[in-house]
Amino acid sequence: MSGLAIGGVYALIALSFSITFTTTKTLNFSQGEFIGVGAFLGVAVLYLLSGQDEGAALAPGASAGFNYPLAAIAVGAAVGVIGILLFITAVRPFAGKPGMSWVMSTIGFGIILQSIGLAIWGPAPVNLPSPFGDDVIRIAGAGVRPQEILVLVVAIVLMIGLDLLLRRTRMGKAMRAVANNPSVAALMGINVSAVMIGAFALSSALAGIGGLLVAPIASASIFMGLGIALKAFSGAIVGGLDNPRGCIFGGFALGLLEASVALWQAQWREIVIFLLIILVLAIRPQGLFGARTLDKV
């Protein structure tokens, strides 16, 4: 269950990488900072909704009732707007041009965002209470925290919703058309710029919500997102960066592998994970479910 829970977060973030890559052929290399900012924005919203003084620790009931869902909605909207700002300032001026200038510009945007977060909230982690408490639930003798179940359920619901969005709606069809060929999509009357902006807003919102989901497990920290984003990106590479369902598979597989290795030897966790990634890339560079043209992009 722990592996599936953290794998659900990896899958969400991996899916966010896939959305921007397939639509704009670019990536947000500041996604880790978006996760940390999302967690702290959630903390700020919970302070506001619970009426607590920000100098005191959040009470266990601060996330109760509708507070946590409202915080998730607020975080998704706010971080989505930041994602639009990222696209306008750091991606669109360089997209489609020779070179990889957008890589450094997105990294620079993340550094600015992290610095602003440090100035507002400081470097210290903050404990965020789970909406269902911290009492361990026993399932067949194994201990599971309620937040881990919540993370898994919410991640699955969001991924199913996004899959339906991409495959059944006009917006999803427009995104797939732009991903296939932006020039032809524009000739067919699709607003390519609007679709790209929407892709970055959606990708960033997923990162922010992912940060809020994992904060009750790992504590909210402005630095918490780097490791999560790196492993999520690794999951996307393993599953196939151009295949959203492959990214979901890669995220869950990485979470399960991480939890399994940690039961054996925790210090070997990262070594085993990245050795596996290197092996997959050596055998199948485009990922397990990626198109063979990916290595030519």
Protein backbone atom coordinates (compact mmCIF):
# COMPACT_ATOMS: atom_id res chain seq x y z
CA MET A 1 0.00 0.00 0.00
CA SER A 2 2.85 2.39 0.77
CA GLY A 3 4.41 1.59 -2.59
CA LEU A 4 1.12 2.13 -4.41
CA ALA A 5 0.54 5.42 -2.54
CA ILE A 6 3.91 6.95 -3.39
CA GLY A 7 3.65 5.35 -6.83
CA GLY A 8 0.36 7.18 -7.33
CA VAL A 9 2.13 10.49 -6.70
CA TYR A 10 4.96 9.50 -9.05
CA ALA A 11 2.38 8.51 -11.67
CA LEU A 12 0.56 11.86 -11.37
CA ILE A 13 3.77 13.84 -11.77
CA ALA A 14 4.97 11.54 -14.57
CA LEU A 15 1.66 12.16 -16.33
CA SER A 16 2.21 15.91 -15.94
CA PHE A 17 5.58 15.58 -17.68
CA SER A 18 3.93 13.60 -20.49
CA ILE A 19 1.20 16.23 -21.00
CA THR A 20 3.67 19.04 -21.66
CA PHE A 21 6.07 16.89 -23.68
CA THR A 22 3.48 15.46 -26.06
CA THR A 23 1.80 18.85 -26.54
CA THR A 24 4.77 21.24 -26.75
CA LYS A 25 7.84 18.93 -27.02
CA THR A 26 9.19 20.69 -23.93
CA LEU A 27 9.37 19.82 -20.23
CA ASN A 28 9.08 21.79 -17.01
CA PHE A 29 12.36 21.18 -15.20
CA SER A 30 11.10 23.20 -12.24
CA GLN A 31 8.31 20.71 -11.52
CA GLY A 32 9.91 19.87 -8.16
CA GLU A 33 9.54 23.48 -7.01
CA PHE A 34 5.89 23.42 -8.09
CA ILE A 35 5.36 20.41 -5.79
CA GLY A 36 6.90 22.21 -2.80
CA VAL A 37 5.01 25.44 -3.46
CA GLY A 38 1.77 23.46 -3.84
CA ALA A 39 2.29 21.87 -0.42
CA PHE A 40 2.90 25.23 1.27
CA LEU A 41 0.00 26.91 -0.52
CA GLY A 42 -2.18 24.10 0.87
CA VAL A 43 -0.82 24.81 4.36
CA ALA A 44 -1.61 28.52 3.93
CA VAL A 45 -5.18 27.77 2.78
CA LEU A 46 -5.73 25.41 5.73
CA TYR A 47 -4.53 28.11 8.16
CA LEU A 48 -7.02 30.50 6.56
CA LEU A 49 -9.95 28.06 6.59
CA SER A 50 -9.32 26.87 10.17
CA GLY A 51 -8.85 30.41 11.49
CA GLN A 52 -5.58 29.50 13.22
CA ASP A 53 -2.65 31.77 13.92
CA GLU A 54 0.12 31.00 11.42
CA GLY A 55 2.69 31.04 14.22
CA ALA A 56 1.16 27.91 15.78
CA ALA A 57 1.24 24.35 14.48
CA LEU A 58 -1.79 23.25 12.49
CA ALA A 59 -4.34 21.52 14.71
CA PRO A 60 -5.30 17.92 13.81
CA GLY A 61 -8.77 19.14 12.81
CA ALA A 62 -7.48 21.78 10.39
CA SER A 63 -7.85 19.38 7.45
CA ALA A 64 -11.21 17.98 8.56
CA GLY A 65 -14.49 18.30 6.67
CA PHE A 66 -14.34 20.25 3.42
CA ASN A 67 -11.14 22.08 4.35
CA TYR A 68 -8.79 19.63 2.65
CA PRO A 69 -10.80 19.36 -0.63
CA LEU A 70 -11.12 23.16 -0.75
CA ALA A 71 -7.38 23.47 -0.19
CA ALA A 72 -6.76 21.01 -3.05
CA ILE A 73 -8.98 23.04 -5.40
CA ALA A 74 -7.28 26.29 -4.39
CA VAL A 75 -3.82 24.77 -4.81
CA GLY A 76 -4.67 23.34 -8.24
CA ALA A 77 -5.98 26.72 -9.43
CA ALA A 78 -3.10 28.78 -8.00
CA VAL A 79 -0.32 26.48 -9.21
CA GLY A 80 -2.06 26.20 -12.58
CA VAL A 81 -1.82 30.00 -12.92
CA ILE A 82 1.88 29.82 -12.02
CA GLY A 83 2.23 27.19 -14.77
CA ILE A 84 0.70 29.60 -17.29
CA LEU A 85 3.17 32.26 -16.15
CA LEU A 86 6.00 29.74 -16.62
CA PHE A 87 4.90 28.97 -20.17
CA ILE A 88 4.55 32.65 -21.14
CA THR A 89 7.87 33.78 -19.66
CA ALA A 90 10.17 30.75 -19.82
CA VAL A 91 8.91 28.39 -22.52
CA ARG A 92 7.05 30.18 -25.33
CA PRO A 93 9.93 32.57 -26.21
CA PHE A 94 12.19 29.55 -26.87
CA ALA A 95 9.78 26.81 -28.03
CA GLY A 96 10.38 25.68 -31.61
CA LYS A 97 13.76 27.39 -31.81
CA PRO A 98 17.10 25.59 -32.18
CA GLY A 99 18.89 24.68 -28.97
CA MET A 100 17.66 23.87 -25.49
CA SER A 101 17.26 27.37 -24.06
CA TRP A 102 13.90 26.40 -22.52
CA VAL A 103 15.70 23.88 -20.27
CA MET A 104 17.72 26.61 -18.54
CA SER A 105 14.79 29.03 -18.51
CA THR A 106 12.50 26.54 -16.73
CA ILE A 107 15.28 25.69 -14.25
CA GLY A 108 15.79 29.42 -13.65
CA PHE A 109 12.05 29.91 -13.13
CA GLY A 110 12.13 27.13 -10.53
CA ILE A 111 15.04 28.77 -8.69
CA ILE A 112 13.12 32.06 -8.59
CA LEU A 113 10.00 30.27 -7.37
CA GLN A 114 11.95 28.44 -4.66
CA SER A 115 13.59 31.68 -3.52
CA ILE A 116 10.21 33.38 -3.24
CA GLY A 117 8.90 30.40 -1.28
CA LEU A 118 11.87 30.56 1.10
CA ALA A 119 11.32 34.28 1.63
CA ILE A 120 7.64 33.71 2.48
CA TRP A 121 7.67 30.41 4.40
CA GLY A 122 11.30 29.80 5.31
CA PRO A 123 13.27 26.53 5.05
CA ALA A 124 11.71 24.68 7.99
CA PRO A 125 9.27 21.82 7.20
CA VAL A 126 5.69 22.07 8.43
CA ASN A 127 3.55 19.15 9.60
CA LEU A 128 0.27 19.01 7.71
CA PRO A 129 -2.44 16.87 9.40
CA SER A 130 -4.21 14.22 7.37
CA PRO A 131 -7.98 14.76 6.98
CA PHE A 132 -8.57 11.22 8.29
CA GLY A 133 -6.11 11.33 11.17
CA ASP A 134 -2.87 9.46 11.68
CA ASP A 135 -4.13 6.27 13.34
CA VAL A 136 -2.72 3.20 11.59
CA ILE A 137 -5.27 0.96 9.86
CA ARG A 138 -4.52 -2.78 10.02
CA ILE A 139 -5.19 -4.75 6.82
CA ALA A 140 -4.23 -8.44 6.96
CA GLY A 141 -1.71 -7.62 9.66
CA ALA A 142 -0.04 -4.78 7.72
CA GLY A 143 -0.19 -1.21 8.98
CA VAL A 144 -1.47 1.42 6.54
CA ARG A 145 -1.92 5.13 7.18
CA PRO A 146 -5.23 6.69 6.08
CA GLN A 147 -3.36 9.31 4.05
CA GLU A 148 -1.70 6.58 1.98
CA ILE A 149 -5.11 5.18 1.04
CA LEU A 150 -6.36 8.71 0.28
CA VAL A 151 -3.35 9.43 -1.94
CA LEU A 152 -3.90 6.23 -3.89
CA VAL A 153 -7.65 6.80 -4.35
CA VAL A 154 -7.29 10.46 -5.38
CA ALA A 155 -4.43 9.65 -7.75
CA ILE A 156 -6.45 6.92 -9.47
CA VAL A 157 -9.54 9.16 -9.76
CA LEU A 158 -7.48 12.02 -11.23
CA MET A 159 -5.74 9.71 -13.71
CA ILE A 160 -9.01 8.17 -14.87
CA GLY A 161 -10.48 11.66 -15.23
CA LEU A 162 -7.50 12.86 -17.25
CA ASP A 163 -7.61 9.76 -19.46
CA LEU A 164 -11.28 10.47 -20.21
CA LEU A 165 -10.45 14.15 -20.81
CA LEU A 166 -7.72 13.32 -23.32
CA ARG A 167 -9.72 10.67 -25.19
CA ARG A 168 -13.39 11.70 -24.97
CA THR A 169 -13.55 15.52 -24.95
CA ARG A 170 -12.99 18.20 -27.60
CA MET A 171 -10.22 19.69 -25.49
CA GLY A 172 -8.49 16.32 -25.25
CA LYS A 173 -8.79 15.74 -28.99
CA ALA A 174 -7.37 19.21 -29.61
CA MET A 175 -4.42 18.43 -27.32
CA ARG A 176 -3.76 15.17 -29.16
CA ALA A 177 -4.00 16.95 -32.51
CA VAL A 178 -1.48 19.59 -31.41
CA ALA A 179 0.78 16.83 -30.08
CA ASN A 180 0.64 15.05 -33.44
CA ASN A 181 1.20 18.08 -35.68
CA PRO A 182 0.77 21.70 -34.47
CA SER A 183 0.80 23.15 -38.00
CA VAL A 184 -1.99 20.90 -39.26
CA ALA A 185 -3.95 21.46 -36.03
CA ALA A 186 -3.76 25.22 -36.58
CA LEU A 187 -5.02 24.79 -40.17
CA MET A 188 -8.01 22.86 -38.78
CA GLY A 189 -8.97 25.86 -36.62
CA ILE A 190 -7.44 24.75 -33.31
CA ASN A 191 -5.94 27.51 -31.18
CA VAL A 192 -2.51 25.96 -30.70
CA SER A 193 -1.29 28.60 -28.22
CA ALA A 194 -4.36 28.14 -26.02
CA VAL A 195 -3.90 24.35 -26.03
CA MET A 196 -0.25 24.69 -25.04
CA ILE A 197 -1.11 27.11 -22.24
CA GLY A 198 -3.80 24.71 -21.05
CA ALA A 199 -1.29 21.84 -21.08
CA PHE A 200 1.13 23.74 -18.83
CA ALA A 201 -1.69 24.86 -16.52
CA LEU A 202 -2.92 21.26 -16.18
CA SER A 203 0.59 19.88 -15.70
CA SER A 204 1.41 22.43 -13.01
CA ALA A 205 -1.92 21.90 -11.22
CA LEU A 206 -1.17 18.16 -11.01
CA ALA A 207 2.23 18.92 -9.45
CA GLY A 208 0.68 21.25 -6.87
CA ILE A 209 -2.02 18.77 -5.91
CA GLY A 210 0.60 16.03 -5.71
CA GLY A 211 2.54 18.14 -3.22
CA LEU A 212 -0.55 18.64 -1.06
CA LEU A 213 -1.32 14.91 -1.14
CA VAL A 214 2.14 13.81 -0.04
CA ALA A 215 2.67 16.60 2.54
CA PRO A 216 0.84 14.80 5.41
CA ILE A 217 3.16 11.81 4.84
CA ALA A 218 6.50 13.57 4.34
CA SER A 219 5.83 17.06 5.87
CA ALA A 220 5.51 20.17 3.73
CA SER A 221 8.88 21.57 2.71
CA ILE A 222 9.96 23.91 -0.04
CA PHE A 223 12.67 21.35 -0.90
CA MET A 224 10.42 18.27 -0.83
CA GLY A 225 9.66 18.19 -4.55
CA LEU A 226 13.09 17.64 -6.08
CA GLY A 227 13.35 13.93 -5.24
CA ILE A 228 9.70 13.30 -6.11
CA ALA A 229 9.99 15.06 -9.47
CA LEU A 230 13.22 13.24 -10.32
CA LYS A 231 11.71 9.82 -9.61
CA ALA A 232 8.48 10.73 -11.39
CA PHE A 233 10.47 11.79 -14.45
CA SER A 234 12.35 8.49 -14.22
CA GLY A 235 9.00 6.68 -14.16
CA ALA A 236 7.91 8.61 -17.24
CA ILE A 237 11.12 7.63 -19.03
CA VAL A 238 10.67 3.96 -18.08
CA GLY A 239 7.03 3.88 -19.20
CA GLY A 240 7.51 6.06 -22.28
CA LEU A 241 7.41 9.85 -22.10
CA ASP A 242 5.10 10.14 -25.12
CA ASN A 243 2.58 7.61 -23.74
CA PRO A 244 0.40 8.91 -20.84
CA ARG A 245 -0.69 5.41 -19.80
CA GLY A 246 2.91 4.23 -19.99
CA CYS A 247 3.91 7.09 -17.65
CA ILE A 248 1.25 5.98 -15.18
CA PHE A 249 2.56 2.42 -15.31
CA GLY A 250 6.13 3.64 -14.83
CA GLY A 251 5.17 5.76 -11.81
CA PHE A 252 3.36 2.92 -10.05
CA ALA A 253 6.11 0.42 -10.89
CA LEU A 254 8.76 2.75 -9.48
CA GLY A 255 6.77 3.29 -6.27
CA LEU A 256 6.30 -0.45 -5.73
CA LEU A 257 9.98 -1.14 -6.46
CA GLU A 258 11.07 1.60 -4.06
CA ALA A 259 8.89 0.26 -1.23
CA SER A 260 10.00 -3.33 -1.86
CA VAL A 261 13.71 -2.51 -1.86
CA ALA A 262 13.27 -0.34 1.28
CA LEU A 263 11.90 -3.40 3.12
CA TRP A 264 15.14 -5.19 2.27
CA GLN A 265 17.84 -2.51 2.49
CA ALA A 266 16.71 1.13 2.55
CA GLN A 267 20.14 2.46 1.59
CA TRP A 268 20.04 0.45 -1.66
CA ARG A 269 16.73 1.99 -2.77
CA GLU A 270 18.02 4.73 -5.09
CA ILE A 271 20.85 2.52 -6.40
CA VAL A 272 18.46 -0.25 -7.50
CA ILE A 273 15.94 2.20 -8.97
CA PHE A 274 18.41 4.07 -11.15
CA LEU A 275 20.25 0.93 -12.20
CA LEU A 276 16.89 -0.34 -13.46
CA ILE A 277 16.30 2.92 -15.33
CA ILE A 278 19.73 2.72 -16.98
CA LEU A 279 19.00 -0.90 -17.98
CA VAL A 280 15.63 0.03 -19.53
CA LEU A 281 17.17 2.94 -21.45
CA ALA A 282 19.98 0.71 -22.71
CA ILE A 283 17.53 -1.92 -24.02
CA ARG A 284 14.62 0.32 -25.06
CA PRO A 285 15.55 4.05 -25.15
CA GLN A 286 11.99 5.18 -25.90
CA GLY A 287 10.63 3.46 -22.76
CA LEU A 288 8.60 0.30 -22.36
CA PHE A 289 5.47 1.73 -24.01
CA GLY A 290 6.94 4.69 -25.91
CA ALA A 291 6.89 5.14 -29.66
CA ARG A 292 10.08 4.19 -31.45
CA THR A 293 10.28 7.69 -32.94
CA LEU A 294 10.84 9.21 -29.48
CA ASP A 295 14.61 8.70 -29.62
CA LYS A 296 14.66 10.76 -32.83
CA VAL A 297 12.87 13.79 -31.34
